[in-house]
Amino acid sequence: MNDFPEFMKHPLNKIPTASQHTEEIEGYVFDGADGSQVAFWKCCTQRVSQEHTHDYDEYLAVLQGQYTLIIDQQRISLGVGQEYFIPKGIAHAGEGLAGTRTVHCFGGKRIPREKQD
């Protein structure tokens, strides 16, 4: 597969551009009953995310392509099927090659929903 299934890309699940730390990526979010969230992202072009932290843990897995996680200026290369756990409060950034698809699970609410008319 080179993309997420259409049912996952419903406009109500689309991540607002203002809520992303990376330009030119397509993302969708799903909410857990406990306040956690799962986000699915696809890099449209090779992109670098801004360094940021969370008040909750983050888990990420690479589904397609190559993603480089950057923590304390250390570059951690992740390929298809690889995963990484980022404890809360750890500053991190990342780089994704064009076409890279990742899944990120957050132990808290990371992404606000866009208001629907």
C-alpha atoms as a PDB file:
ATOM      1  CA  MET A   1       0.000   0.000   0.000  1.00  0.00           C
ATOM      2  CA  ASN A   2       1.188   3.520  -0.730  1.00  0.00           C
ATOM      3  CA  ASP A   3      -1.546   5.373   1.141  1.00  0.00           C
ATOM      4  CA  PHE A   4      -4.010   4.958   3.967  1.00  0.00           C
ATOM      5  CA  PRO A   5      -7.457   3.520   3.158  1.00  0.00           C
ATOM      6  CA  GLU A   6     -10.083   6.116   2.229  1.00  0.00           C
ATOM      7  CA  PHE A   7     -12.207   5.497   5.360  1.00  0.00           C
ATOM      8  CA  MET A   8      -9.249   6.669   7.473  1.00  0.00           C
ATOM      9  CA  LYS A   9      -8.964   9.880   5.436  1.00  0.00           C
ATOM     10  CA  HIS A  10     -12.405  11.235   6.249  1.00  0.00           C
ATOM     11  CA  PRO A  11     -12.368  15.074   6.427  1.00  0.00           C
ATOM     12  CA  LEU A  12     -13.607  14.957  10.046  1.00  0.00           C
ATOM     13  CA  ASN A  13     -10.375  13.141  10.996  1.00  0.00           C
ATOM     14  CA  LYS A  14      -7.991  15.432   9.073  1.00  0.00           C
ATOM     15  CA  ILE A  15      -5.348  17.113  11.233  1.00  0.00           C
ATOM     16  CA  PRO A  16      -5.428  20.918  10.895  1.00  0.00           C
ATOM     17  CA  THR A  17      -2.284  22.405   9.351  1.00  0.00           C
ATOM     18  CA  ALA A  18      -1.840  24.640  12.421  1.00  0.00           C
ATOM     19  CA  SER A  19      -1.599  21.510  14.626  1.00  0.00           C
ATOM     20  CA  GLN A  20       1.297  19.955  12.718  1.00  0.00           C
ATOM     21  CA  HIS A  21       4.995  20.454  13.434  1.00  0.00           C
ATOM     22  CA  THR A  22       5.847  19.663   9.809  1.00  0.00           C
ATOM     23  CA  GLU A  23       4.851  21.380   6.570  1.00  0.00           C
ATOM     24  CA  GLU A  24       3.437  19.486   3.601  1.00  0.00           C
ATOM     25  CA  ILE A  25       2.309  16.373   5.403  1.00  0.00           C
ATOM     26  CA  GLU A  26      -1.131  14.809   5.388  1.00  0.00           C
ATOM     27  CA  GLY A  27      -2.419  13.611   8.728  1.00  0.00           C
ATOM     28  CA  TYR A  28      -5.507  12.077  10.304  1.00  0.00           C
ATOM     29  CA  VAL A  29      -6.338  11.585  13.990  1.00  0.00           C
ATOM     30  CA  PHE A  30      -8.453   9.131  15.970  1.00  0.00           C
ATOM     31  CA  ASP A  31      -9.408   9.677  19.613  1.00  0.00           C
ATOM     32  CA  GLY A  32      -9.314   7.126  22.429  1.00  0.00           C
ATOM     33  CA  ALA A  33     -11.952   7.054  25.182  1.00  0.00           C
ATOM     34  CA  ASP A  34      -9.186   7.760  27.734  1.00  0.00           C
ATOM     35  CA  GLY A  35      -8.035  10.982  26.030  1.00  0.00           C
ATOM     36  CA  SER A  36      -5.192   9.345  24.105  1.00  0.00           C
ATOM     37  CA  GLN A  37      -4.886   9.800  20.342  1.00  0.00           C
ATOM     38  CA  VAL A  38      -3.518   7.936  17.343  1.00  0.00           C
ATOM     39  CA  ALA A  39      -2.324   9.927  14.331  1.00  0.00           C
ATOM     40  CA  PHE A  40      -1.492   8.649  10.861  1.00  0.00           C
ATOM     41  CA  TRP A  41       0.852  10.837   8.788  1.00  0.00           C
ATOM     42  CA  LYS A  42       2.159  10.735   5.227  1.00  0.00           C
ATOM     43  CA  CYS A  43       5.028  12.956   4.057  1.00  0.00           C
ATOM     44  CA  CYS A  44       4.096  14.467   0.679  1.00  0.00           C
ATOM     45  CA  THR A  45       7.691  15.656   0.155  1.00  0.00           C
ATOM     46  CA  GLN A  46      10.897  15.187   2.142  1.00  0.00           C
ATOM     47  CA  ARG A  47      10.235  17.167   5.325  1.00  0.00           C
ATOM     48  CA  VAL A  48      11.787  18.096   8.654  1.00  0.00           C
ATOM     49  CA  SER A  49       9.639  18.620  11.750  1.00  0.00           C
ATOM     50  CA  GLN A  50      10.224  21.349  14.301  1.00  0.00           C
ATOM     51  CA  GLU A  51      11.676  20.299  17.633  1.00  0.00           C
ATOM     52  CA  HIS A  52       8.917  19.938  20.228  1.00  0.00           C
ATOM     53  CA  THR A  53       7.957  18.192  23.472  1.00  0.00           C
ATOM     54  CA  HIS A  54       4.795  16.615  24.867  1.00  0.00           C
ATOM     55  CA  ASP A  55       3.347  16.328  28.378  1.00  0.00           C
ATOM     56  CA  TYR A  56       2.616  12.654  27.623  1.00  0.00           C
ATOM     57  CA  ASP A  57       4.419   9.666  26.108  1.00  0.00           C
ATOM     58  CA  GLU A  58       4.582   9.090  22.345  1.00  0.00           C
ATOM     59  CA  TYR A  59       5.046   5.854  20.426  1.00  0.00           C
ATOM     60  CA  LEU A  60       5.752   5.838  16.693  1.00  0.00           C
ATOM     61  CA  ALA A  61       6.026   3.137  14.052  1.00  0.00           C
ATOM     62  CA  VAL A  62       7.090   3.411  10.412  1.00  0.00           C
ATOM     63  CA  LEU A  63       4.753   1.778   7.911  1.00  0.00           C
ATOM     64  CA  GLN A  64       6.454   2.882   4.703  1.00  0.00           C
ATOM     65  CA  GLY A  65       9.619   4.765   3.789  1.00  0.00           C
ATOM     66  CA  GLN A  66      12.260   6.115   6.136  1.00  0.00           C
ATOM     67  CA  TYR A  67      11.914   8.346   9.205  1.00  0.00           C
ATOM     68  CA  THR A  68      14.812   9.816  11.173  1.00  0.00           C
ATOM     69  CA  LEU A  69      14.056  10.758  14.761  1.00  0.00           C
ATOM     70  CA  ILE A  70      16.301  13.461  16.242  1.00  0.00           C
ATOM     71  CA  ILE A  71      16.815  13.509  20.031  1.00  0.00           C
ATOM     72  CA  ASP A  72      19.654  15.480  21.679  1.00  0.00           C
ATOM     73  CA  GLN A  73      21.166  15.951  18.194  1.00  0.00           C
ATOM     74  CA  GLN A  74      21.377  12.154  17.871  1.00  0.00           C
ATOM     75  CA  ARG A  75      19.878  10.838  14.619  1.00  0.00           C
ATOM     76  CA  ILE A  76      17.921   7.597  14.997  1.00  0.00           C
ATOM     77  CA  SER A  77      17.047   6.087  11.618  1.00  0.00           C
ATOM     78  CA  LEU A  78      13.818   4.070  11.509  1.00  0.00           C
ATOM     79  CA  GLY A  79      12.737   1.947   8.557  1.00  0.00           C
ATOM     80  CA  VAL A  80       9.628  -0.047   7.751  1.00  0.00           C
ATOM     81  CA  GLY A  81       8.402  -2.021  10.750  1.00  0.00           C
ATOM     82  CA  GLN A  82      10.628  -0.225  13.240  1.00  0.00           C
ATOM     83  CA  GLU A  83       9.229   1.596  16.239  1.00  0.00           C
ATOM     84  CA  TYR A  84      10.346   3.997  18.956  1.00  0.00           C
ATOM     85  CA  PHE A  85       9.054   5.122  22.360  1.00  0.00           C
ATOM     86  CA  ILE A  86       9.538   8.792  23.320  1.00  0.00           C
ATOM     87  CA  PRO A  87       8.953   9.490  27.029  1.00  0.00           C
ATOM     88  CA  LYS A  88       7.032  12.635  27.950  1.00  0.00           C
ATOM     89  CA  GLY A  89       9.102  15.800  28.227  1.00  0.00           C
ATOM     90  CA  ILE A  90      11.821  14.673  25.773  1.00  0.00           C
ATOM     91  CA  ALA A  91      12.522  17.276  23.052  1.00  0.00           C
ATOM     92  CA  HIS A  92      12.468  15.652  19.615  1.00  0.00           C
ATOM     93  CA  ALA A  93      12.223  16.393  15.907  1.00  0.00           C
ATOM     94  CA  GLY A  94      12.187  14.209  12.835  1.00  0.00           C
ATOM     95  CA  GLU A  95      12.782  13.911   9.124  1.00  0.00           C
ATOM     96  CA  GLY A  96      10.650  11.916   6.728  1.00  0.00           C
ATOM     97  CA  LEU A  97      11.404  11.041   3.127  1.00  0.00           C
ATOM     98  CA  ALA A  98       8.709  11.710   0.531  1.00  0.00           C
ATOM     99  CA  GLY A  99       6.086   8.965   0.719  1.00  0.00           C
ATOM    100  CA  THR A 100       6.940   7.964   4.284  1.00  0.00           C
ATOM    101  CA  ARG A 101       3.909   6.873   6.312  1.00  0.00           C
ATOM    102  CA  THR A 102       4.000   6.714  10.113  1.00  0.00           C
ATOM    103  CA  VAL A 103       1.660   5.966  12.999  1.00  0.00           C
ATOM    104  CA  HIS A 104       2.030   7.983  16.215  1.00  0.00           C
ATOM    105  CA  CYS A 105       0.234   7.083  19.443  1.00  0.00           C
ATOM    106  CA  PHE A 106       0.009   9.772  22.103  1.00  0.00           C
ATOM    107  CA  GLY A 107      -0.757   9.203  25.785  1.00  0.00           C
ATOM    108  CA  GLY A 108      -2.732  12.464  25.793  1.00  0.00           C
ATOM    109  CA  LYS A 109      -4.595  14.848  23.528  1.00  0.00           C
ATOM    110  CA  ARG A 110      -2.062  16.049  20.943  1.00  0.00           C
ATOM    111  CA  ILE A 111      -4.337  17.287  18.155  1.00  0.00           C
ATOM    112  CA  PRO A 112      -7.384  19.525  18.507  1.00  0.00           C
ATOM    113  CA  ARG A 113     -10.240  18.858  16.112  1.00  0.00           C
ATOM    114  CA  GLU A 114     -11.110  21.400  13.407  1.00  0.00           C
ATOM    115  CA  LYS A 115     -14.472  22.998  13.940  1.00  0.00           C
ATOM    116  CA  GLN A 116     -17.044  21.713  11.481  1.00  0.00           C
ATOM    117  CA  ASP A 117     -19.727  23.963  10.019  1.00  0.00           C
END
